[in-house]
PDB file of N, CA and C in Angstrom:
ATOM      1  N   UNK A   1     -52.074 -49.645  57.450  1.00  0.00           N
ATOM      2  CA  UNK A   1     -50.706 -49.793  57.029  1.00  0.00           C
ATOM      3  C   UNK A   1     -50.655 -50.626  55.746  1.00  0.00           C
ATOM      4  N   UNK A   2     -49.691 -50.318  54.923  1.00  0.00           N
ATOM      5  CA  UNK A   2     -49.504 -51.018  53.660  1.00  0.00           C
ATOM      6  C   UNK A   2     -48.200 -51.812  53.681  1.00  0.00           C
ATOM      7  N   UNK A   3     -48.206 -52.962  53.041  1.00  0.00           N
ATOM      8  CA  UNK A   3     -46.971 -53.711  52.861  1.00  0.00           C
ATOM      9  C   UNK A   3     -46.310 -53.216  51.580  1.00  0.00           C
ATOM     10  N   UNK A   4     -44.997 -53.114  51.610  1.00  0.00           N
ATOM     11  CA  UNK A   4     -44.252 -52.643  50.452  1.00  0.00           C
ATOM     12  C   UNK A   4     -43.303 -53.746  50.014  1.00  0.00           C
ATOM     13  N   UNK A   5     -43.394 -54.126  48.747  1.00  0.00           N
ATOM     14  CA  UNK A   5     -42.547 -55.194  48.210  1.00  0.00           C
ATOM     15  C   UNK A   5     -41.942 -54.721  46.900  1.00  0.00           C
ATOM     16  N   UNK A   6     -40.625 -54.896  46.771  1.00  0.00           N
ATOM     17  CA  UNK A   6     -39.972 -54.542  45.510  1.00  0.00           C
ATOM     18  C   UNK A   6     -40.484 -55.456  44.395  1.00  0.00           C
ATOM     19  N   UNK A   7     -40.850 -54.889  43.232  1.00  0.00           N
ATOM     20  CA  UNK A   7     -41.394 -55.708  42.140  1.00  0.00           C
ATOM     21  C   UNK A   7     -40.492 -56.870  41.727  1.00  0.00           C
ATOM     22  N   UNK A   8     -39.195 -56.659  41.663  1.00  0.00           N
ATOM     23  CA  UNK A   8     -38.274 -57.743  41.265  1.00  0.00           C
ATOM     24  C   UNK A   8     -38.290 -58.877  42.290  1.00  0.00           C
ATOM     25  N   UNK A   9     -38.404 -58.531  43.566  1.00  0.00           N
ATOM     26  CA  UNK A   9     -38.473 -59.544  44.612  1.00  0.00           C
ATOM     27  C   UNK A   9     -39.766 -60.343  44.492  1.00  0.00           C
ATOM     28  N   UNK A  10     -40.873 -59.666  44.226  1.00  0.00           N
ATOM     29  CA  UNK A  10     -42.153 -60.350  44.060  1.00  0.00           C
ATOM     30  C   UNK A  10     -42.133 -61.244  42.823  1.00  0.00           C
ATOM     31  N   UNK A  11     -41.504 -60.769  41.764  1.00  0.00           N
ATOM     32  CA  UNK A  11     -41.371 -61.566  40.541  1.00  0.00           C
ATOM     33  C   UNK A  11     -40.593 -62.856  40.828  1.00  0.00           C
ATOM     34  N   UNK A  12     -39.496 -62.737  41.569  1.00  0.00           N
ATOM     35  CA  UNK A  12     -38.718 -63.914  41.952  1.00  0.00           C
ATOM     36  C   UNK A  12     -39.556 -64.839  42.840  1.00  0.00           C
ATOM     37  N   UNK A  13     -40.377 -64.249  43.683  1.00  0.00           N
ATOM     38  CA  UNK A  13     -41.242 -65.035  44.548  1.00  0.00           C
ATOM     39  C   UNK A  13     -42.271 -65.851  43.773  1.00  0.00           C
ATOM     40  N   UNK A  14     -42.874 -65.233  42.769  1.00  0.00           N
ATOM     41  CA  UNK A  14     -43.843 -65.968  41.937  1.00  0.00           C
ATOM     42  C   UNK A  14     -43.158 -67.129  41.224  1.00  0.00           C
ATOM     43  N   UNK A  15     -41.922 -66.914  40.796  1.00  0.00           N
ATOM     44  CA  UNK A  15     -41.170 -67.988  40.132  1.00  0.00           C
ATOM     45  C   UNK A  15     -40.920 -69.131  41.112  1.00  0.00           C
ATOM     46  N   UNK A  16     -40.527 -68.794  42.345  1.00  0.00           N
ATOM     47  CA  UNK A  16     -40.290 -69.803  43.374  1.00  0.00           C
ATOM     48  C   UNK A  16     -41.563 -70.597  43.677  1.00  0.00           C
ATOM     49  N   UNK A  17     -42.672 -69.898  43.796  1.00  0.00           N
ATOM     50  CA  UNK A  17     -43.958 -70.553  44.070  1.00  0.00           C
ATOM     51  C   UNK A  17     -44.291 -71.555  42.967  1.00  0.00           C
ATOM     52  N   UNK A  18     -44.081 -71.156  41.722  1.00  0.00           N
ATOM     53  CA  UNK A  18     -44.373 -72.042  40.595  1.00  0.00           C
ATOM     54  C   UNK A  18     -43.432 -73.248  40.567  1.00  0.00           C
ATOM     55  N   UNK A  19     -42.151 -72.988  40.776  1.00  0.00           N
ATOM     56  CA  UNK A  19     -41.158 -74.070  40.721  1.00  0.00           C
ATOM     57  C   UNK A  19     -41.335 -75.089  41.838  1.00  0.00           C
ATOM     58  N   UNK A  20     -41.643 -74.594  43.046  1.00  0.00           N
ATOM     59  CA  UNK A  20     -41.739 -75.481  44.207  1.00  0.00           C
ATOM     60  C   UNK A  20     -43.181 -75.852  44.561  1.00  0.00           C
ATOM     61  N   UNK A  21     -44.130 -75.408  43.737  1.00  0.00           N
ATOM     62  CA  UNK A  21     -45.548 -75.702  43.955  1.00  0.00           C
ATOM     63  C   UNK A  21     -45.979 -75.344  45.379  1.00  0.00           C
ATOM     64  N   UNK A  22     -45.564 -74.151  45.826  1.00  0.00           N
ATOM     65  CA  UNK A  22     -45.900 -73.690  47.161  1.00  0.00           C
ATOM     66  C   UNK A  22     -47.346 -73.224  47.222  1.00  0.00           C
ATOM     67  N   UNK A  23     -47.958 -73.392  48.377  1.00  0.00           N
ATOM     68  CA  UNK A  23     -49.296 -72.858  48.606  1.00  0.00           C
ATOM     69  C   UNK A  23     -49.146 -71.564  49.389  1.00  0.00           C
ATOM     70  N   UNK A  24     -49.585 -70.469  48.803  1.00  0.00           N
ATOM     71  CA  UNK A  24     -49.500 -69.166  49.448  1.00  0.00           C
ATOM     72  C   UNK A  24     -50.868 -68.509  49.419  1.00  0.00           C
ATOM     73  N   UNK A  25     -51.073 -67.553  50.326  1.00  0.00           N
ATOM     74  CA  UNK A  25     -52.380 -66.900  50.407  1.00  0.00           C
ATOM     75  C   UNK A  25     -52.388 -65.512  49.776  1.00  0.00           C
ATOM     76  N   UNK A  26     -51.235 -64.864  49.721  1.00  0.00           N
ATOM     77  CA  UNK A  26     -51.171 -63.524  49.148  1.00  0.00           C
ATOM     78  C   UNK A  26     -49.721 -63.160  48.864  1.00  0.00           C
ATOM     79  N   UNK A  27     -49.493 -61.944  48.377  1.00  0.00           N
ATOM     80  CA  UNK A  27     -48.148 -61.532  48.012  1.00  0.00           C
ATOM     81  C   UNK A  27     -47.193 -61.531  49.201  1.00  0.00           C
ATOM     82  N   UNK A  28     -47.677 -61.182  50.373  1.00  0.00           N
ATOM     83  CA  UNK A  28     -46.818 -61.161  51.551  1.00  0.00           C
ATOM     84  C   UNK A  28     -46.374 -62.578  51.928  1.00  0.00           C
ATOM     85  N   UNK A  29     -47.266 -63.545  51.817  1.00  0.00           N
ATOM     86  CA  UNK A  29     -46.876 -64.919  52.147  1.00  0.00           C
ATOM     87  C   UNK A  29     -45.835 -65.449  51.156  1.00  0.00           C
ATOM     88  N   UNK A  30     -45.834 -64.927  49.931  1.00  0.00           N
ATOM     89  CA  UNK A  30     -44.801 -65.304  48.963  1.00  0.00           C
ATOM     90  C   UNK A  30     -43.445 -64.815  49.458  1.00  0.00           C
ATOM     91  N   UNK A  31     -43.388 -63.569  49.882  1.00  0.00           N
ATOM     92  CA  UNK A  31     -42.134 -62.989  50.360  1.00  0.00           C
ATOM     93  C   UNK A  31     -41.673 -63.694  51.627  1.00  0.00           C
ATOM     94  N   UNK A  32     -42.595 -64.000  52.514  1.00  0.00           N
ATOM     95  CA  UNK A  32     -42.244 -64.730  53.738  1.00  0.00           C
ATOM     96  C   UNK A  32     -41.698 -66.116  53.418  1.00  0.00           C
ATOM     97  N   UNK A  33     -42.223 -66.773  52.381  1.00  0.00           N
ATOM     98  CA  UNK A  33     -41.725 -68.091  51.972  1.00  0.00           C
ATOM     99  C   UNK A  33     -40.282 -67.997  51.477  1.00  0.00           C
ATOM    100  N   UNK A  34     -39.886 -66.815  51.024  1.00  0.00           N
ATOM    101  CA  UNK A  34     -38.514 -66.592  50.570  1.00  0.00           C
ATOM    102  C   UNK A  34     -37.596 -66.183  51.724  1.00  0.00           C
ATOM    103  N   UNK A  35     -38.157 -66.090  52.933  1.00  0.00           N
ATOM    104  CA  UNK A  35     -37.418 -65.654  54.124  1.00  0.00           C
ATOM    105  C   UNK A  35     -36.876 -64.233  53.960  1.00  0.00           C
ATOM    106  N   UNK A  36     -37.663 -63.392  53.293  1.00  0.00           N
ATOM    107  CA  UNK A  36     -37.319 -61.989  53.094  1.00  0.00           C
ATOM    108  C   UNK A  36     -38.233 -61.139  53.980  1.00  0.00           C
ATOM    109  N   UNK A  37     -37.733 -59.986  54.436  1.00  0.00           N
ATOM    110  CA  UNK A  37     -38.580 -59.121  55.261  1.00  0.00           C
ATOM    111  C   UNK A  37     -39.627 -58.380  54.424  1.00  0.00           C
ATOM    112  N   UNK A  38     -40.739 -58.091  55.040  1.00  0.00           N
ATOM    113  CA  UNK A  38     -41.786 -57.298  54.409  1.00  0.00           C
ATOM    114  C   UNK A  38     -41.764 -55.918  55.052  1.00  0.00           C
ATOM    115  N   UNK A  39     -41.722 -54.891  54.237  1.00  0.00           N
ATOM    116  CA  UNK A  39     -41.690 -53.526  54.738  1.00  0.00           C
ATOM    117  C   UNK A  39     -43.116 -53.009  54.886  1.00  0.00           C
ATOM    118  N   UNK A  40     -43.349 -52.199  55.904  1.00  0.00           N
ATOM    119  CA  UNK A  40     -44.662 -51.615  56.141  1.00  0.00           C
ATOM    120  C   UNK A  40     -44.531 -50.106  56.102  1.00  0.00           C
ATOM    121  N   UNK A  41     -45.505 -49.452  55.484  1.00  0.00           N
ATOM    122  CA  UNK A  41     -45.488 -48.005  55.384  1.00  0.00           C
ATOM    123  C   UNK A  41     -46.865 -47.444  55.706  1.00  0.00           C
ATOM    124  N   UNK A  42     -46.912 -46.186  56.029  1.00  0.00           N
ATOM    125  CA  UNK A  42     -48.178 -45.525  56.321  1.00  0.00           C
ATOM    126  C   UNK A  42     -48.998 -45.421  55.035  1.00  0.00           C
ATOM    127  N   UNK A  43     -50.273 -45.671  55.125  1.00  0.00           N
ATOM    128  CA  UNK A  43     -51.136 -45.641  53.959  1.00  0.00           C
ATOM    129  C   UNK A  43     -52.143 -44.506  54.007  1.00  0.00           C
ATOM    130  N   UNK A  44     -53.150 -44.621  53.174  1.00  0.00           N
ATOM    131  CA  UNK A  44     -54.204 -43.623  53.065  1.00  0.00           C
ATOM    132  C   UNK A  44     -55.539 -44.347  52.989  1.00  0.00           C
ATOM    133  N   UNK A  45     -56.583 -43.725  53.519  1.00  0.00           N
ATOM    134  CA  UNK A  45     -57.913 -44.332  53.448  1.00  0.00           C
ATOM    135  C   UNK A  45     -58.416 -44.459  52.019  1.00  0.00           C
ATOM    136  N   UNK A  46     -57.858 -43.672  51.094  1.00  0.00           N
ATOM    137  CA  UNK A  46     -58.292 -43.764  49.698  1.00  0.00           C
ATOM    138  C   UNK A  46     -57.545 -44.854  48.939  1.00  0.00           C
ATOM    139  N   UNK A  47     -56.572 -45.501  49.565  1.00  0.00           N
ATOM    140  CA  UNK A  47     -55.845 -46.599  48.934  1.00  0.00           C
ATOM    141  C   UNK A  47     -56.529 -47.893  49.364  1.00  0.00           C
ATOM    142  N   UNK A  48     -57.509 -48.316  48.587  1.00  0.00           N
ATOM    143  CA  UNK A  48     -58.315 -49.478  48.963  1.00  0.00           C
ATOM    144  C   UNK A  48     -57.952 -50.686  48.109  1.00  0.00           C
ATOM    145  N   UNK A  49     -58.273 -51.871  48.604  1.00  0.00           N
ATOM    146  CA  UNK A  49     -58.119 -53.088  47.820  1.00  0.00           C
ATOM    147  C   UNK A  49     -59.459 -53.407  47.184  1.00  0.00           C
ATOM    148  N   UNK A  50     -59.442 -53.747  45.921  1.00  0.00           N
ATOM    149  CA  UNK A  50     -60.654 -54.172  45.232  1.00  0.00           C
ATOM    150  C   UNK A  50     -60.653 -55.690  45.267  1.00  0.00           C
ATOM    151  N   UNK A  51     -61.532 -56.244  46.109  1.00  0.00           N
ATOM    152  CA  UNK A  51     -61.567 -57.695  46.311  1.00  0.00           C
ATOM    153  C   UNK A  51     -62.730 -58.375  45.594  1.00  0.00           C
ATOM    154  N   UNK A  52     -63.755 -57.618  45.281  1.00  0.00           N
ATOM    155  CA  UNK A  52     -64.945 -58.207  44.666  1.00  0.00           C
ATOM    156  C   UNK A  52     -65.630 -57.161  43.796  1.00  0.00           C
ATOM    157  N   UNK A  53     -66.582 -57.614  42.989  1.00  0.00           N
ATOM    158  CA  UNK A  53     -67.324 -56.699  42.112  1.00  0.00           C
ATOM    159  C   UNK A  53     -67.973 -55.562  42.888  1.00  0.00           C
ATOM    160  N   UNK A  54     -68.394 -55.846  44.114  1.00  0.00           N
ATOM    161  CA  UNK A  54     -69.043 -54.817  44.931  1.00  0.00           C
ATOM    162  C   UNK A  54     -68.110 -53.649  45.255  1.00  0.00           C
ATOM    163  N   UNK A  55     -66.802 -53.894  45.220  1.00  0.00           N
ATOM    164  CA  UNK A  55     -65.827 -52.852  45.526  1.00  0.00           C
ATOM    165  C   UNK A  55     -65.579 -51.905  44.355  1.00  0.00           C
ATOM    166  N   UNK A  56     -65.921 -52.328  43.145  1.00  0.00           N
ATOM    167  CA  UNK A  56     -65.601 -51.537  41.955  1.00  0.00           C
ATOM    168  C   UNK A  56     -66.277 -50.169  41.951  1.00  0.00           C
ATOM    169  N   UNK A  57     -67.590 -50.057  42.199  1.00  0.00           N
ATOM    170  CA  UNK A  57     -68.199 -48.724  42.179  1.00  0.00           C
ATOM    171  C   UNK A  57     -67.549 -47.752  43.169  1.00  0.00           C
ATOM    172  N   UNK A  58     -67.217 -48.240  44.350  1.00  0.00           N
ATOM    173  CA  UNK A  58     -66.578 -47.372  45.330  1.00  0.00           C
ATOM    174  C   UNK A  58     -65.189 -46.940  44.858  1.00  0.00           C
ATOM    175  N   UNK A  59     -64.427 -47.871  44.278  1.00  0.00           N
ATOM    176  CA  UNK A  59     -63.083 -47.522  43.824  1.00  0.00           C
ATOM    177  C   UNK A  59     -63.128 -46.550  42.652  1.00  0.00           C
ATOM    178  N   UNK A  60     -64.089 -46.716  41.762  1.00  0.00           N
ATOM    179  CA  UNK A  60     -64.245 -45.782  40.640  1.00  0.00           C
ATOM    180  C   UNK A  60     -64.638 -44.407  41.171  1.00  0.00           C
ATOM    181  N   UNK A  61     -65.565 -44.384  42.118  1.00  0.00           N
ATOM    182  CA  UNK A  61     -65.967 -43.112  42.720  1.00  0.00           C
ATOM    183  C   UNK A  61     -64.803 -42.403  43.380  1.00  0.00           C
ATOM    184  N   UNK A  62     -63.978 -43.148  44.110  1.00  0.00           N
ATOM    185  CA  UNK A  62     -62.792 -42.547  44.733  1.00  0.00           C
ATOM    186  C   UNK A  62     -61.823 -42.017  43.690  1.00  0.00           C
ATOM    187  N   UNK A  63     -61.612 -42.790  42.642  1.00  0.00           N
ATOM    188  CA  UNK A  63     -60.677 -42.353  41.601  1.00  0.00           C
ATOM    189  C   UNK A  63     -61.162 -41.082  40.920  1.00  0.00           C
ATOM    190  N   UNK A  64     -62.454 -41.020  40.637  1.00  0.00           N
ATOM    191  CA  UNK A  64     -62.992 -39.849  39.935  1.00  0.00           C
ATOM    192  C   UNK A  64     -63.064 -38.611  40.819  1.00  0.00           C
ATOM    193  N   UNK A  65     -63.231 -38.818  42.128  1.00  0.00           N
ATOM    194  CA  UNK A  65     -63.307 -37.669  43.026  1.00  0.00           C
ATOM    195  C   UNK A  65     -62.005 -37.461  43.792  1.00  0.00           C
ATOM    196  N   UNK A  66     -60.962 -38.111  43.369  1.00  0.00           N
ATOM    197  CA  UNK A  66     -59.681 -38.105  44.063  1.00  0.00           C
ATOM    198  C   UNK A  66     -59.216 -36.690  44.397  1.00  0.00           C
ATOM    199  N   UNK A  67     -59.330 -35.780  43.471  1.00  0.00           N
ATOM    200  CA  UNK A  67     -58.841 -34.425  43.702  1.00  0.00           C
ATOM    201  C   UNK A  67     -59.600 -33.720  44.822  1.00  0.00           C
ATOM    202  N   UNK A  68     -60.799 -34.169  45.142  1.00  0.00           N
ATOM    203  CA  UNK A  68     -61.564 -33.587  46.239  1.00  0.00           C
ATOM    204  C   UNK A  68     -61.170 -34.176  47.591  1.00  0.00           C
ATOM    205  N   UNK A  69     -60.621 -35.382  47.569  1.00  0.00           N
ATOM    206  CA  UNK A  69     -60.326 -36.098  48.802  1.00  0.00           C
ATOM    207  C   UNK A  69     -58.897 -35.927  49.292  1.00  0.00           C
ATOM    208  N   UNK A  70     -57.970 -35.683  48.402  1.00  0.00           N
ATOM    209  CA  UNK A  70     -56.566 -35.720  48.774  1.00  0.00           C
ATOM    210  C   UNK A  70     -55.791 -34.721  47.935  1.00  0.00           C
ATOM    211  N   UNK A  71     -55.094 -33.800  48.571  1.00  0.00           N
ATOM    212  CA  UNK A  71     -54.375 -32.774  47.817  1.00  0.00           C
ATOM    213  C   UNK A  71     -53.123 -33.309  47.124  1.00  0.00           C
ATOM    214  N   UNK A  72     -52.812 -34.607  47.312  1.00  0.00           N
ATOM    215  CA  UNK A  72     -51.679 -35.209  46.603  1.00  0.00           C
ATOM    216  C   UNK A  72     -52.098 -35.732  45.229  1.00  0.00           C
ATOM    217  N   UNK A  73     -53.367 -35.597  44.885  1.00  0.00           N
ATOM    218  CA  UNK A  73     -53.863 -36.122  43.622  1.00  0.00           C
ATOM    219  C   UNK A  73     -53.723 -35.086  42.517  1.00  0.00           C
ATOM    220  N   UNK A  74     -53.254 -35.536  41.389  1.00  0.00           N
ATOM    221  CA  UNK A  74     -53.041 -34.659  40.240  1.00  0.00           C
ATOM    222  C   UNK A  74     -53.776 -35.264  39.053  1.00  0.00           C
ATOM    223  N   UNK A  75     -54.648 -34.508  38.371  1.00  0.00           N
ATOM    224  CA  UNK A  75     -55.335 -35.081  37.207  1.00  0.00           C
ATOM    225  C   UNK A  75     -54.347 -35.387  36.089  1.00  0.00           C
ATOM    226  N   UNK A  76     -54.360 -36.621  35.616  1.00  0.00           N
ATOM    227  CA  UNK A  76     -53.529 -37.003  34.469  1.00  0.00           C
ATOM    228  C   UNK A  76     -54.180 -36.465  33.195  1.00  0.00           C
ATOM    229  N   UNK A  77     -55.484 -36.576  33.122  1.00  0.00           N
ATOM    230  CA  UNK A  77     -56.278 -35.956  32.071  1.00  0.00           C
ATOM    231  C   UNK A  77     -57.678 -35.766  32.647  1.00  0.00           C
ATOM    232  N   UNK A  78     -58.628 -35.356  31.858  1.00  0.00           N
ATOM    233  CA  UNK A  78     -59.950 -35.060  32.406  1.00  0.00           C
ATOM    234  C   UNK A  78     -60.714 -36.301  32.854  1.00  0.00           C
ATOM    235  N   UNK A  79     -60.270 -37.493  32.447  1.00  0.00           N
ATOM    236  CA  UNK A  79     -61.014 -38.708  32.766  1.00  0.00           C
ATOM    237  C   UNK A  79     -60.385 -39.551  33.869  1.00  0.00           C
ATOM    238  N   UNK A  80     -59.063 -39.477  34.058  1.00  0.00           N
ATOM    239  CA  UNK A  80     -58.418 -40.368  35.017  1.00  0.00           C
ATOM    240  C   UNK A  80     -57.475 -39.620  35.937  1.00  0.00           C
ATOM    241  N   UNK A  81     -57.953 -39.201  37.119  1.00  0.00           N
ATOM    242  CA  UNK A  81     -57.056 -38.583  38.076  1.00  0.00           C
ATOM    243  C   UNK A  81     -56.075 -39.612  38.627  1.00  0.00           C
ATOM    244  N   UNK A  82     -54.916 -39.163  39.018  1.00  0.00           N
ATOM    245  CA  UNK A  82     -53.895 -40.047  39.556  1.00  0.00           C
ATOM    246  C   UNK A  82     -53.532 -39.604  40.956  1.00  0.00           C
ATOM    247  N   UNK A  83     -53.555 -40.516  41.907  1.00  0.00           N
ATOM    248  CA  UNK A  83     -53.155 -40.197  43.273  1.00  0.00           C
ATOM    249  C   UNK A  83     -51.685 -40.534  43.442  1.00  0.00           C
ATOM    250  N   UNK A  84     -50.932 -39.586  43.912  1.00  0.00           N
ATOM    251  CA  UNK A  84     -49.502 -39.782  44.126  1.00  0.00           C
ATOM    252  C   UNK A  84     -49.262 -40.227  45.549  1.00  0.00           C
ATOM    253  N   UNK A  85     -48.362 -41.167  45.738  1.00  0.00           N
ATOM    254  CA  UNK A  85     -48.023 -41.637  47.083  1.00  0.00           C
ATOM    255  C   UNK A  85     -47.310 -40.550  47.855  1.00  0.00           C
ATOM    256  N   UNK A  86     -47.489 -40.590  49.162  1.00  0.00           N
ATOM    257  CA  UNK A  86     -46.852 -39.591  50.025  1.00  0.00           C
ATOM    258  C   UNK A  86     -45.354 -39.763  50.038  1.00  0.00           C
TER     259      UNK A  86
END
């Protein structure tokens, strides 16, 4: 499952964190500090988080082979396929 946050809400959250010197662990904890709900949506196995250098080769491989893995993917050009959300 994926968390969904409106960009403007997250932007306001980052401002609040800076102003109040809050300690947060991730984007969801920022929204929770604002007492706002976090929305959850169904995700895809190809929607991965890149947390470290070791994740980069896998994410590049997924991006380049995207059209083979998911029929929602449309090539933007010959070098960078784009996966469209469901």
